Structures are given as C-alpha cells and as structure tokens.
Amino acid sequence: MKINKKKLKNQRLIIERKINPWKKLRAERRPPSGWLKAVRGALGINTRQLAKKCGVQHSSILKIEKSEVQGKASIESLKKIASAMNCQLVYAIVPKIGYNSLEKIIDHQAEILAHKLIKKADHTMQLEAQGTSSREIKNQIKKLAKELKDKMDSRIWEKSLKQKKSK
C-alpha cells in the first residue's frame, strides 16, 4: 500500500497541534494512591458513597482504585467513576520527554535505520579496504535518514519493534 506523504504530514501537523498543550503535563506524576483515590479524598467522598453513585458494590471501587495504581484500570471504569464525582477523565498520548514533537520521533527512528544501513555497508567496504572517514559516515547517515523520512520508509519502525520483542 502506497503512503500518501502529503496527507500523512498534514495529519501529523493536526495531531501535533492537538497534543501540544498536553506536553506540559508529561512530567506530572500520578499521586501514589492514584487519581481516583486522591480526588475522591479531596472531595470528601467515601468509597461507599461513590459506589452508590456509580451503582456498583463498595468492593468494586476499591478494586478499581487499586487497579489504577497498578496501571491496569480500564479507561471505561476511570471515566465512569470520574463522572460520578462530577469530574472528567482526560486522556492523551504525547511524545516522551526528550522528544519535542512527532517529527523528532520520526527523525530519530530514521537516524537509527540510516546508521544501521550505513554501518553495514561501511563494514563491507572496510573488508575490501575501501572504508570511509567517520565524518563522511556521519554525513551519509544524515543524508540517508532524511531520505528515509521523506519517503516515510516503514522500515524505520522495524528495529525498535524487534528490540521491544527481545526484551
């Protein structure tokens, strides 16, 4: 399937604008007890009262609060409980700290692939006594990374996916 690069870039710009305000919150950490329990406590609602408002058993609230701390709560259950407290669940996916944009993530992935491809080719050339200088290699990596990004070569994601699987 051919990628419409112009459409993809426009989509990336739209998403970038939407997630930009959320980037400030990347460094914020969830309270140790979880957001549900922290907000519930700040509002002065006990678990029995909240359970009644949600139409569930008291033990369900405790279980969901525990699962939130463990990172296993469903979005649906968080939404339901937030709503019962007259609050709203806010959900976003933003680039990790260290990446200022989606573009930077793509740049990084393209550089990883370019480095891998250039190093492989350079190794072969060195075996034939035709190696290149480290400065030349850096320039080649930069140039190839730009080409890979411009083409939106799907291989830029393969290396990181393989690393994740092997861990």
N, C-alpha and C. Protein backbone atom coordinates (compact mmCIF):
# COMPACT_ATOMS: atom_id res chain seq x y z
N MET A 1 0.82 -1.17 0.00
CA MET A 1 0.00 0.00 0.00
C MET A 1 0.88 1.24 0.00
N LYS A 2 0.62 2.15 -0.90
CA LYS A 2 1.41 3.36 -1.03
C LYS A 2 0.95 4.40 0.00
N ILE A 3 1.92 5.06 0.61
CA ILE A 3 1.63 6.07 1.62
C ILE A 3 1.48 7.42 0.96
N ASN A 4 0.39 8.12 1.27
CA ASN A 4 0.21 9.48 0.80
C ASN A 4 0.97 10.39 1.76
N LYS A 5 2.20 10.77 1.36
CA LYS A 5 3.09 11.51 2.26
C LYS A 5 2.54 12.88 2.65
N LYS A 6 1.91 13.56 1.71
CA LYS A 6 1.37 14.88 2.00
C LYS A 6 0.23 14.77 3.02
N LYS A 7 -0.63 13.79 2.82
CA LYS A 7 -1.75 13.58 3.74
C LYS A 7 -1.23 13.20 5.13
N LEU A 8 -0.22 12.35 5.16
CA LEU A 8 0.37 11.91 6.42
C LEU A 8 1.00 13.09 7.17
N LYS A 9 1.69 13.95 6.45
CA LYS A 9 2.31 15.12 7.08
C LYS A 9 1.23 16.06 7.63
N ASN A 10 0.17 16.27 6.87
CA ASN A 10 -0.94 17.10 7.35
C ASN A 10 -1.57 16.51 8.60
N GLN A 11 -1.76 15.19 8.59
CA GLN A 11 -2.33 14.51 9.75
C GLN A 11 -1.42 14.70 10.96
N ARG A 12 -0.12 14.58 10.75
CA ARG A 12 0.85 14.75 11.83
C ARG A 12 0.78 16.17 12.40
N LEU A 13 0.65 17.16 11.53
CA LEU A 13 0.55 18.55 11.98
C LEU A 13 -0.72 18.79 12.80
N ILE A 14 -1.82 18.20 12.37
CA ILE A 14 -3.09 18.32 13.10
C ILE A 14 -2.97 17.69 14.49
N ILE A 15 -2.43 16.48 14.53
CA ILE A 15 -2.26 15.78 15.81
C ILE A 15 -1.29 16.56 16.70
N GLU A 16 -0.23 17.07 16.10
CA GLU A 16 0.77 17.84 16.85
C GLU A 16 0.12 19.04 17.54
N ARG A 17 -0.75 19.75 16.83
CA ARG A 17 -1.44 20.90 17.42
C ARG A 17 -2.34 20.47 18.58
N LYS A 18 -2.97 19.31 18.42
CA LYS A 18 -3.88 18.84 19.47
C LYS A 18 -3.14 18.40 20.72
N ILE A 19 -1.97 17.79 20.56
CA ILE A 19 -1.25 17.28 21.73
C ILE A 19 -0.31 18.31 22.35
N ASN A 20 -0.04 19.38 21.65
CA ASN A 20 0.90 20.40 22.15
C ASN A 20 0.58 20.86 23.58
N PRO A 21 -0.67 21.23 23.87
CA PRO A 21 -0.96 21.70 25.25
C PRO A 21 -0.70 20.63 26.32
N TRP A 22 -0.79 19.37 25.95
CA TRP A 22 -0.63 18.27 26.90
C TRP A 22 0.82 18.01 27.26
N LYS A 23 1.74 18.45 26.41
CA LYS A 23 3.16 18.17 26.64
C LYS A 23 3.64 18.71 27.98
N LYS A 24 3.04 19.81 28.43
CA LYS A 24 3.42 20.40 29.72
C LYS A 24 3.18 19.41 30.87
N LEU A 25 2.24 18.52 30.68
CA LEU A 25 1.86 17.60 31.75
C LEU A 25 2.69 16.31 31.78
N ARG A 26 3.61 16.16 30.81
CA ARG A 26 4.39 14.92 30.75
C ARG A 26 5.13 14.62 32.05
N ALA A 27 5.66 15.64 32.67
CA ALA A 27 6.46 15.44 33.88
C ALA A 27 5.60 15.21 35.12
N GLU A 28 4.31 15.51 35.02
CA GLU A 28 3.43 15.32 36.17
C GLU A 28 3.28 13.82 36.45
N ARG A 29 3.35 13.49 37.69
CA ARG A 29 3.20 12.09 38.08
C ARG A 29 1.86 11.88 38.76
N ARG A 30 1.35 10.70 38.61
CA ARG A 30 0.10 10.31 39.27
C ARG A 30 0.37 10.28 40.78
N PRO A 31 -0.58 10.73 41.58
CA PRO A 31 -0.40 10.62 43.04
C PRO A 31 -0.15 9.15 43.40
N PRO A 32 0.65 8.88 44.42
CA PRO A 32 0.96 7.49 44.78
C PRO A 32 -0.29 6.64 45.01
N SER A 33 -1.35 7.25 45.51
CA SER A 33 -2.58 6.50 45.77
C SER A 33 -3.47 6.40 44.53
N GLY A 34 -3.08 7.09 43.45
CA GLY A 34 -3.87 7.11 42.22
C GLY A 34 -4.76 8.35 42.19
N TRP A 35 -5.16 8.74 40.99
CA TRP A 35 -6.00 9.92 40.83
C TRP A 35 -7.38 9.74 41.44
N LEU A 36 -7.97 8.56 41.25
CA LEU A 36 -9.32 8.33 41.76
C LEU A 36 -9.38 8.55 43.27
N LYS A 37 -8.49 7.88 43.97
CA LYS A 37 -8.50 7.97 45.43
C LYS A 37 -8.14 9.39 45.89
N ALA A 38 -7.18 10.01 45.22
CA ALA A 38 -6.76 11.36 45.60
C ALA A 38 -7.90 12.37 45.41
N VAL A 39 -8.57 12.30 44.26
CA VAL A 39 -9.68 13.23 44.00
C VAL A 39 -10.86 12.92 44.91
N ARG A 40 -11.16 11.64 45.07
CA ARG A 40 -12.25 11.24 45.96
C ARG A 40 -12.00 11.79 47.36
N GLY A 41 -10.77 11.64 47.85
CA GLY A 41 -10.42 12.14 49.18
C GLY A 41 -10.52 13.66 49.26
N ALA A 42 -10.05 14.34 48.21
CA ALA A 42 -10.12 15.81 48.19
C ALA A 42 -11.56 16.31 48.18
N LEU A 43 -12.45 15.52 47.56
CA LEU A 43 -13.87 15.90 47.53
C LEU A 43 -14.62 15.49 48.79
N GLY A 44 -13.99 14.63 49.60
CA GLY A 44 -14.63 14.17 50.84
C GLY A 44 -15.69 13.10 50.62
N ILE A 45 -15.55 12.35 49.53
CA ILE A 45 -16.50 11.25 49.24
C ILE A 45 -15.86 9.95 49.71
N ASN A 46 -16.58 9.18 50.51
CA ASN A 46 -16.01 7.88 50.90
C ASN A 46 -16.36 6.83 49.83
N THR A 47 -15.74 5.68 49.92
CA THR A 47 -15.91 4.64 48.89
C THR A 47 -17.34 4.13 48.82
N ARG A 48 -18.03 4.07 49.95
CA ARG A 48 -19.42 3.60 49.95
C ARG A 48 -20.33 4.59 49.21
N GLN A 49 -20.12 5.88 49.47
CA GLN A 49 -20.92 6.90 48.80
C GLN A 49 -20.66 6.88 47.28
N LEU A 50 -19.39 6.75 46.92
CA LEU A 50 -19.04 6.72 45.50
C LEU A 50 -19.61 5.48 44.82
N ALA A 51 -19.54 4.36 45.50
CA ALA A 51 -20.08 3.11 44.95
C ALA A 51 -21.57 3.26 44.67
N LYS A 52 -22.28 3.90 45.60
CA LYS A 52 -23.72 4.11 45.44
C LYS A 52 -23.99 5.00 44.22
N LYS A 53 -23.20 6.08 44.08
CA LYS A 53 -23.36 6.98 42.93
C LYS A 53 -23.09 6.27 41.60
N CYS A 54 -22.16 5.31 41.64
CA CYS A 54 -21.80 4.57 40.42
C CYS A 54 -22.72 3.37 40.17
N GLY A 55 -23.46 2.98 41.18
CA GLY A 55 -24.33 1.81 41.04
C GLY A 55 -23.56 0.51 41.07
N VAL A 56 -22.49 0.49 41.87
CA VAL A 56 -21.66 -0.71 41.99
C VAL A 56 -21.45 -1.04 43.46
N GLN A 57 -20.85 -2.18 43.72
CA GLN A 57 -20.53 -2.57 45.09
C GLN A 57 -19.33 -1.77 45.60
N HIS A 58 -19.28 -1.57 46.91
CA HIS A 58 -18.17 -0.88 47.57
C HIS A 58 -16.83 -1.49 47.18
N SER A 59 -16.79 -2.81 47.14
CA SER A 59 -15.54 -3.52 46.81
C SER A 59 -15.07 -3.20 45.38
N SER A 60 -16.01 -2.88 44.49
CA SER A 60 -15.64 -2.55 43.10
C SER A 60 -14.83 -1.26 43.05
N ILE A 61 -15.20 -0.28 43.85
CA ILE A 61 -14.47 0.99 43.90
C ILE A 61 -13.05 0.73 44.40
N LEU A 62 -12.93 -0.04 45.46
CA LEU A 62 -11.60 -0.37 46.00
C LEU A 62 -10.75 -1.09 44.96
N LYS A 63 -11.38 -2.01 44.25
CA LYS A 63 -10.68 -2.79 43.23
C LYS A 63 -10.20 -1.89 42.08
N ILE A 64 -11.04 -0.97 41.65
CA ILE A 64 -10.68 -0.07 40.55
C ILE A 64 -9.58 0.89 40.98
N GLU A 65 -9.69 1.40 42.21
CA GLU A 65 -8.63 2.28 42.72
C GLU A 65 -7.29 1.55 42.76
N LYS A 66 -7.32 0.31 43.18
CA LYS A 66 -6.09 -0.50 43.23
C LYS A 66 -5.56 -0.75 41.81
N SER A 67 -6.47 -1.08 40.89
CA SER A 67 -6.03 -1.37 39.52
C SER A 67 -5.48 -0.11 38.83
N GLU A 68 -5.98 1.07 39.20
CA GLU A 68 -5.43 2.31 38.63
C GLU A 68 -3.97 2.47 39.05
N VAL A 69 -3.68 2.26 40.32
CA VAL A 69 -2.30 2.37 40.82
C VAL A 69 -1.39 1.38 40.11
N GLN A 70 -1.91 0.21 39.80
CA GLN A 70 -1.14 -0.83 39.10
C GLN A 70 -1.05 -0.58 37.59
N GLY A 71 -1.78 0.43 37.11
CA GLY A 71 -1.77 0.73 35.68
C GLY A 71 -2.64 -0.21 34.87
N LYS A 72 -3.61 -0.84 35.52
CA LYS A 72 -4.44 -1.83 34.85
C LYS A 72 -5.91 -1.45 34.75
N ALA A 73 -6.28 -0.27 35.21
CA ALA A 73 -7.69 0.16 35.17
C ALA A 73 -8.09 0.46 33.74
N SER A 74 -9.31 0.14 33.39
CA SER A 74 -9.78 0.44 32.04
C SER A 74 -10.18 1.90 31.94
N ILE A 75 -10.08 2.44 30.77
CA ILE A 75 -10.49 3.82 30.52
C ILE A 75 -11.97 3.97 30.86
N GLU A 76 -12.74 2.97 30.49
CA GLU A 76 -14.18 2.99 30.75
C GLU A 76 -14.49 3.13 32.24
N SER A 77 -13.80 2.35 33.08
CA SER A 77 -14.08 2.43 34.52
C SER A 77 -13.59 3.74 35.11
N LEU A 78 -12.46 4.24 34.66
CA LEU A 78 -11.97 5.54 35.13
C LEU A 78 -12.95 6.66 34.77
N LYS A 79 -13.47 6.59 33.54
CA LYS A 79 -14.44 7.58 33.06
C LYS A 79 -15.70 7.56 33.91
N LYS A 80 -16.19 6.36 34.19
CA LYS A 80 -17.43 6.19 34.94
C LYS A 80 -17.30 6.78 36.35
N ILE A 81 -16.20 6.46 37.02
CA ILE A 81 -16.01 6.93 38.38
C ILE A 81 -15.75 8.44 38.39
N ALA A 82 -14.97 8.92 37.45
CA ALA A 82 -14.73 10.37 37.36
C ALA A 82 -16.05 11.11 37.20
N SER A 83 -16.89 10.61 36.33
CA SER A 83 -18.19 11.22 36.08
C SER A 83 -19.06 11.24 37.33
N ALA A 84 -19.01 10.16 38.10
CA ALA A 84 -19.79 10.08 39.33
C ALA A 84 -19.32 11.12 40.35
N MET A 85 -18.07 11.57 40.22
CA MET A 85 -17.53 12.60 41.12
C MET A 85 -17.66 13.99 40.48
N ASN A 86 -18.45 14.09 39.40
CA ASN A 86 -18.60 15.34 38.64
C ASN A 86 -17.26 15.83 38.09
N CYS A 87 -16.45 14.87 37.68
CA CYS A 87 -15.15 15.15 37.06
C CYS A 87 -15.13 14.50 35.68
N GLN A 88 -14.06 14.72 34.98
CA GLN A 88 -13.92 14.18 33.64
C GLN A 88 -12.55 13.55 33.48
N LEU A 89 -12.51 12.38 32.90
CA LEU A 89 -11.23 11.74 32.58
C LEU A 89 -10.65 12.45 31.37
N VAL A 90 -9.38 12.81 31.46
CA VAL A 90 -8.68 13.45 30.35
C VAL A 90 -7.58 12.49 29.92
N TYR A 91 -7.53 12.21 28.62
CA TYR A 91 -6.66 11.16 28.11
C TYR A 91 -5.91 11.67 26.89
N ALA A 92 -4.61 11.49 26.86
CA ALA A 92 -3.81 11.91 25.71
C ALA A 92 -2.57 11.04 25.60
N ILE A 93 -2.05 10.96 24.39
CA ILE A 93 -0.76 10.30 24.15
C ILE A 93 0.15 11.36 23.57
N VAL A 94 1.27 11.61 24.26
CA VAL A 94 2.19 12.67 23.84
C VAL A 94 3.60 12.10 23.71
N PRO A 95 4.46 12.77 22.94
CA PRO A 95 5.85 12.30 22.83
C PRO A 95 6.52 12.31 24.21
N LYS A 96 7.37 11.32 24.44
CA LYS A 96 8.10 11.25 25.70
C LYS A 96 8.97 12.48 25.88
N ILE A 97 9.35 12.74 27.12
CA ILE A 97 10.28 13.82 27.40
C ILE A 97 11.56 13.49 26.62
N GLY A 98 12.13 14.47 25.97
CA GLY A 98 13.30 14.26 25.12
C GLY A 98 12.93 14.38 23.65
N TYR A 99 11.66 14.20 23.37
CA TYR A 99 11.16 14.41 22.01
C TYR A 99 10.20 15.60 22.05
N ASN A 100 10.49 16.62 21.29
CA ASN A 100 9.63 17.81 21.31
C ASN A 100 8.42 17.68 20.41
N SER A 101 8.45 16.70 19.51
CA SER A 101 7.36 16.57 18.54
C SER A 101 7.33 15.18 17.95
N LEU A 102 6.27 14.91 17.22
CA LEU A 102 6.18 13.65 16.48
C LEU A 102 7.25 13.62 15.39
N GLU A 103 7.54 14.79 14.82
CA GLU A 103 8.60 14.89 13.80
C GLU A 103 9.93 14.40 14.36
N LYS A 104 10.24 14.79 15.60
CA LYS A 104 11.52 14.39 16.22
C LYS A 104 11.57 12.88 16.44
N ILE A 105 10.43 12.28 16.73
CA ILE A 105 10.39 10.83 16.89
C ILE A 105 10.72 10.16 15.56
N ILE A 106 10.11 10.65 14.49
CA ILE A 106 10.37 10.09 13.16
C ILE A 106 11.82 10.32 12.76
N ASP A 107 12.34 11.52 13.02
CA ASP A 107 13.76 11.82 12.73
C ASP A 107 14.66 10.80 13.43
N HIS A 108 14.38 10.57 14.71
CA HIS A 108 15.21 9.64 15.49
C HIS A 108 15.15 8.22 14.93
N GLN A 109 13.94 7.77 14.60
CA GLN A 109 13.80 6.43 14.05
C GLN A 109 14.51 6.31 12.70
N ALA A 110 14.42 7.34 11.88
CA ALA A 110 15.09 7.32 10.57
C ALA A 110 16.60 7.29 10.76
N GLU A 111 17.11 8.02 11.75
CA GLU A 111 18.55 8.02 12.03
C GLU A 111 19.03 6.65 12.48
N ILE A 112 18.24 5.97 13.30
CA ILE A 112 18.61 4.63 13.75
C ILE A 112 18.77 3.69 12.56
N LEU A 113 17.77 3.71 11.66
CA LEU A 113 17.83 2.84 10.48
C LEU A 113 18.98 3.23 9.57
N ALA A 114 19.16 4.53 9.33
CA ALA A 114 20.24 5.00 8.46
C ALA A 114 21.59 4.57 9.03
N HIS A 115 21.75 4.72 10.33
CA HIS A 115 23.01 4.31 10.98
C HIS A 115 23.27 2.82 10.76
N LYS A 116 22.23 2.03 10.95
CA LYS A 116 22.36 0.57 10.78
C LYS A 116 22.76 0.22 9.33
N LEU A 117 22.08 0.86 8.35
CA LEU A 117 22.35 0.56 6.95
C LEU A 117 23.74 1.04 6.51
N ILE A 118 24.12 2.23 6.93
CA ILE A 118 25.43 2.79 6.55
C ILE A 118 26.56 2.00 7.21
N LYS A 119 26.40 1.67 8.48
CA LYS A 119 27.44 0.89 9.18
C LYS A 119 27.64 -0.48 8.53
N LYS A 120 26.53 -1.08 8.11
CA LYS A 120 26.61 -2.38 7.45
C LYS A 120 27.39 -2.26 6.14
N ALA A 121 27.06 -1.23 5.36
CA ALA A 121 27.75 -1.01 4.09
C ALA A 121 29.21 -0.65 4.32
N ASP A 122 29.49 0.17 5.33
CA ASP A 122 30.87 0.58 5.63
C ASP A 122 31.70 -0.61 6.05
N HIS A 123 31.10 -1.51 6.83
CA HIS A 123 31.82 -2.71 7.27
C HIS A 123 32.27 -3.53 6.05
N THR A 124 31.37 -3.70 5.10
CA THR A 124 31.69 -4.44 3.88
C THR A 124 32.81 -3.74 3.12
N MET A 125 32.75 -2.42 3.02
CA MET A 125 33.78 -1.66 2.31
C MET A 125 35.13 -1.75 3.02
N GLN A 126 35.12 -1.77 4.35
CA GLN A 126 36.37 -1.88 5.11
C GLN A 126 37.02 -3.24 4.86
N LEU A 127 36.20 -4.27 4.72
CA LEU A 127 36.73 -5.59 4.42
C LEU A 127 37.44 -5.59 3.07
N GLU A 128 36.99 -4.72 2.19
CA GLU A 128 37.60 -4.59 0.86
C GLU A 128 38.62 -3.44 0.84
N ALA A 129 39.00 -2.95 2.03
CA ALA A 129 39.96 -1.85 2.18
C ALA A 129 39.48 -0.58 1.48
N GLN A 130 38.19 -0.31 1.56
CA GLN A 130 37.63 0.90 0.95
C GLN A 130 36.81 1.69 1.97
N GLY A 131 37.19 1.62 3.24
CA GLY A 131 36.43 2.29 4.31
C GLY A 131 36.41 3.80 4.14
N THR A 132 35.48 4.45 4.79
CA THR A 132 35.36 5.90 4.70
C THR A 132 35.59 6.52 6.08
N SER A 133 35.85 7.81 6.11
CA SER A 133 36.13 8.50 7.36
C SER A 133 34.85 8.61 8.20
N SER A 134 35.04 8.81 9.50
CA SER A 134 33.87 8.92 10.39
C SER A 134 33.04 10.16 10.05
N ARG A 135 33.68 11.21 9.60
CA ARG A 135 32.95 12.42 9.20
C ARG A 135 32.08 12.13 7.98
N GLU A 136 32.65 11.41 7.03
CA GLU A 136 31.91 11.04 5.82
C GLU A 136 30.72 10.14 6.18
N ILE A 137 30.95 9.22 7.10
CA ILE A 137 29.88 8.31 7.53
C ILE A 137 28.75 9.10 8.18
N LYS A 138 29.08 10.07 9.05
CA LYS A 138 28.06 10.90 9.70
C LYS A 138 27.23 11.64 8.66
N ASN A 139 27.89 12.16 7.64
CA ASN A 139 27.17 12.87 6.57
C ASN A 139 26.26 11.93 5.80
N GLN A 140 26.75 10.72 5.53
CA GLN A 140 25.94 9.74 4.81
C GLN A 140 24.72 9.33 5.64
N ILE A 141 24.93 9.17 6.93
CA ILE A 141 23.82 8.80 7.83
C ILE A 141 22.76 9.90 7.82
N LYS A 142 23.21 11.15 7.93
CA LYS A 142 22.29 12.29 7.94
C LYS A 142 21.48 12.34 6.64
N LYS A 143 22.18 12.17 5.51
CA LYS A 143 21.53 12.23 4.20
C LYS A 143 20.53 11.08 4.03
N LEU A 144 20.95 9.88 4.40
CA LEU A 144 20.08 8.71 4.26
C LEU A 144 18.87 8.83 5.20
N ALA A 145 19.08 9.31 6.41
CA ALA A 145 17.97 9.48 7.36
C ALA A 145 16.92 10.43 6.79
N LYS A 146 17.37 11.51 6.16
CA LYS A 146 16.43 12.45 5.55
C LYS A 146 15.64 11.77 4.43
N GLU A 147 16.33 10.99 3.60
CA GLU A 147 15.65 10.28 2.50
C GLU A 147 14.63 9.28 3.05
N LEU A 148 15.01 8.54 4.09
CA LEU A 148 14.11 7.56 4.69
C LEU A 148 12.87 8.24 5.26
N LYS A 149 13.08 9.38 5.91
CA LYS A 149 11.96 10.13 6.48
C LYS A 149 11.08 10.68 5.37
N ASP A 150 11.69 11.28 4.35
CA ASP A 150 10.92 11.86 3.24
C ASP A 150 10.06 10.81 2.54
N LYS A 151 10.60 9.60 2.44
CA LYS A 151 9.85 8.50 1.81
C LYS A 151 8.86 7.86 2.79
N MET A 152 9.01 8.19 4.06
CA MET A 152 8.26 7.53 5.13
C MET A 152 8.42 6.02 5.00
N ASP A 153 9.66 5.61 4.87
CA ASP A 153 10.02 4.21 4.75
C ASP A 153 9.58 3.47 6.01
N SER A 154 8.75 2.46 5.85
CA SER A 154 8.19 1.76 7.00
C SER A 154 9.25 1.01 7.82
N ARG A 155 10.42 0.80 7.24
CA ARG A 155 11.48 0.08 7.96
C ARG A 155 12.00 0.87 9.16
N ILE A 156 11.72 2.18 9.21
CA ILE A 156 12.23 2.96 10.34
C ILE A 156 11.67 2.47 11.67
N TRP A 157 10.57 1.75 11.62
CA TRP A 157 9.96 1.25 12.86
C TRP A 157 10.36 -0.18 13.17
N GLU A 158 10.93 -0.88 12.24
CA GLU A 158 11.23 -2.30 12.44
C GLU A 158 12.27 -2.56 13.53
N LYS A 159 13.32 -1.79 13.57
CA LYS A 159 14.38 -2.03 14.55
C LYS A 159 13.86 -1.88 15.97
N SER A 160 13.12 -0.81 16.23
CA SER A 160 12.63 -0.60 17.60
C SER A 160 11.62 -1.67 17.99
N LEU A 161 10.83 -2.14 17.02
CA LEU A 161 9.86 -3.20 17.32
C LEU A 161 10.58 -4.49 17.67
N LYS A 162 11.64 -4.81 16.95
CA LYS A 162 12.39 -6.03 17.24
C LYS A 162 13.06 -5.94 18.61
N GLN A 163 13.56 -4.76 18.96
CA GLN A 163 14.18 -4.59 20.28
C GLN A 163 13.16 -4.81 21.38
N LYS A 164 11.97 -4.30 21.22
CA LYS A 164 10.93 -4.44 22.25
C LYS A 164 10.58 -5.90 22.46
N LYS A 165 10.49 -6.67 21.35
CA LYS A 165 10.11 -8.08 21.44
C LYS A 165 11.18 -8.89 22.17
N SER A 166 12.45 -8.54 21.95
CA SER A 166 13.52 -9.34 22.52
C SER A 166 13.76 -9.04 23.99
N LYS A 167 13.22 -7.94 24.50
CA LYS A 167 13.42 -7.59 25.92
C LYS A 167 12.51 -8.37 26.82
